[in-house]
Protein backbone atom coordinates (compact mmCIF):
# COMPACT_ATOMS: atom_id res chain seq x y z
CA ASN A 1 9.95 -4.38 13.11
CA VAL A 2 7.02 -5.89 11.24
CA THR A 3 7.11 -7.77 7.92
CA LEU A 4 4.10 -8.76 5.82
CA ASP A 5 5.30 -10.94 2.93
CA GLY A 6 3.12 -12.72 0.38
CA GLY A 7 5.86 -15.33 0.14
CA SER A 8 5.67 -16.44 -3.48
CA GLY A 9 7.52 -13.52 -5.06
CA VAL A 10 4.53 -12.79 -7.34
CA ALA A 11 2.36 -9.87 -6.19
CA ASN A 12 -0.88 -11.24 -7.65
CA ASP A 13 -0.54 -14.61 -5.90
CA VAL A 14 -1.61 -13.05 -2.58
CA VAL A 15 -4.46 -10.53 -2.78
CA ILE A 16 -5.83 -8.50 0.12
CA ASN A 17 -9.39 -7.53 -0.73
CA PRO A 18 -11.29 -6.20 2.30
CA PRO A 19 -15.09 -6.33 2.41
CA GLY A 20 -16.49 -3.04 1.15
CA ALA A 21 -14.60 0.03 0.06
CA ALA A 22 -14.76 1.96 3.35
CA THR A 23 -11.61 0.63 5.04
CA PRO A 24 -7.92 0.52 4.14
CA GLY A 25 -6.63 -2.78 2.81
CA ILE A 26 -3.56 -2.53 5.07
CA PHE A 27 -3.34 -0.04 7.94
CA VAL A 28 -0.03 0.80 9.62
CA GLY A 29 -0.52 2.76 12.84
CA ASN A 30 1.78 5.38 14.26
CA GLY A 31 4.71 3.78 16.01
CA SER A 32 8.45 3.66 16.31
CA TYR A 33 8.74 0.44 14.31
CA THR A 34 9.62 -0.12 10.68
CA VAL A 35 7.23 -2.00 8.41
CA THR A 36 8.05 -4.00 5.28
CA ILE A 37 5.27 -5.10 2.92
CA SER A 38 6.19 -7.26 -0.04
CA ASP A 39 4.98 -9.67 -2.72
CA LEU A 40 1.24 -8.96 -2.55
CA SER A 41 -1.65 -7.01 -4.05
CA VAL A 42 -4.21 -4.78 -2.38
CA THR A 43 -7.44 -4.06 -4.22
CA ASP A 44 -11.00 -2.77 -3.71
CA ALA A 45 -10.24 -1.00 -0.40
CA PHE A 46 -10.69 2.70 0.38
CA ASN A 47 -6.95 3.37 0.54
CA GLY A 48 -4.94 0.35 -0.50
CA ILE A 49 -2.21 0.98 2.07
CA GLU A 50 -2.58 3.63 4.74
CA SER A 51 0.41 4.41 6.95
CA GLN A 52 0.80 6.78 9.88
CA THR A 53 4.30 5.65 10.83
CA THR A 54 7.25 7.97 10.41
CA ALA A 55 9.81 5.29 11.32
CA GLY A 56 9.92 3.73 7.87
CA LEU A 57 7.72 1.88 5.42
CA THR A 58 9.26 -0.32 2.72
CA LEU A 59 7.19 -1.67 -0.17
CA GLY A 60 8.63 -4.27 -2.51
CA ASN A 61 6.72 -5.89 -5.36
CA VAL A 62 3.39 -4.46 -4.19
CA ASP A 63 0.44 -3.78 -6.51
CA SER A 64 -2.13 -1.40 -4.99
CA SER A 65 -4.86 -0.97 -7.59
CA ASN A 66 -8.58 -0.33 -8.04
CA ASN A 67 -9.03 1.30 -4.64
CA ALA A 68 -11.75 3.90 -3.95
CA GLY A 69 -9.27 6.49 -2.61
CA ASP A 70 -5.50 6.27 -2.90
CA GLY A 71 -3.29 3.31 -3.64
CA LEU A 72 -0.93 4.60 -0.94
CA ASN A 73 -1.81 7.20 1.70
CA VAL A 74 1.02 8.12 4.07
CA VAL A 75 1.75 10.73 6.73
CA ASP A 76 5.48 10.94 5.96
CA ALA A 77 6.32 10.32 2.30
CA ALA A 78 10.03 10.76 3.06
CA SER A 79 9.95 7.62 5.21
CA VAL A 80 8.64 5.43 2.35
CA THR A 81 10.90 3.29 0.16
CA THR A 82 9.46 1.47 -2.85
CA THR A 83 10.89 -1.04 -5.30
CA ASN A 84 9.10 -2.78 -8.14
CA SER A 85 5.72 -1.55 -6.88
CA VAL A 86 2.77 -0.04 -8.75
CA ARG A 87 -0.19 2.11 -7.89
CA SER A 88 -2.78 2.20 -10.65
CA ARG A 89 -6.46 2.62 -11.38
CA ASN A 90 -7.22 4.18 -7.97
CA TRP A 91 -9.96 6.81 -7.74
CA ASN A 92 -7.76 9.76 -6.70
CA GLN A 93 -5.22 8.82 -9.36
CA ARG A 94 -7.94 8.78 -12.02
CA ARG A 95 -8.94 12.30 -10.86
CA GLY A 96 -5.38 13.50 -11.50
CA GLY A 97 -3.83 12.70 -8.11
CA VAL A 98 -0.08 12.33 -7.91
CA ALA A 99 1.33 8.80 -7.95
CA VAL A 100 3.47 8.13 -4.88
CA MET A 101 4.67 4.61 -5.67
CA CYS A 102 7.21 3.94 -8.39
């Protein structure tokens, strides 16, 4: 199991902002492990969070905004659990894409 936690409890206190908009802000490879991401923001990436795992991805208090592609791009949407997370102002969302996070 892997946990990435911003620590403060406020998503905008910890911001992941990769150089350029060609890479994902956070990439979760395919594996048999569960991943929890919480209390942080991802901005100005291609896809804010990109996940290939089918074992389980949990997002809590995550703000994935202003990304060139999707705020969240996953292989298995049924394996994703979100609480108090937002996906806004991402390119595909502005084009009418479906919001995955709630």
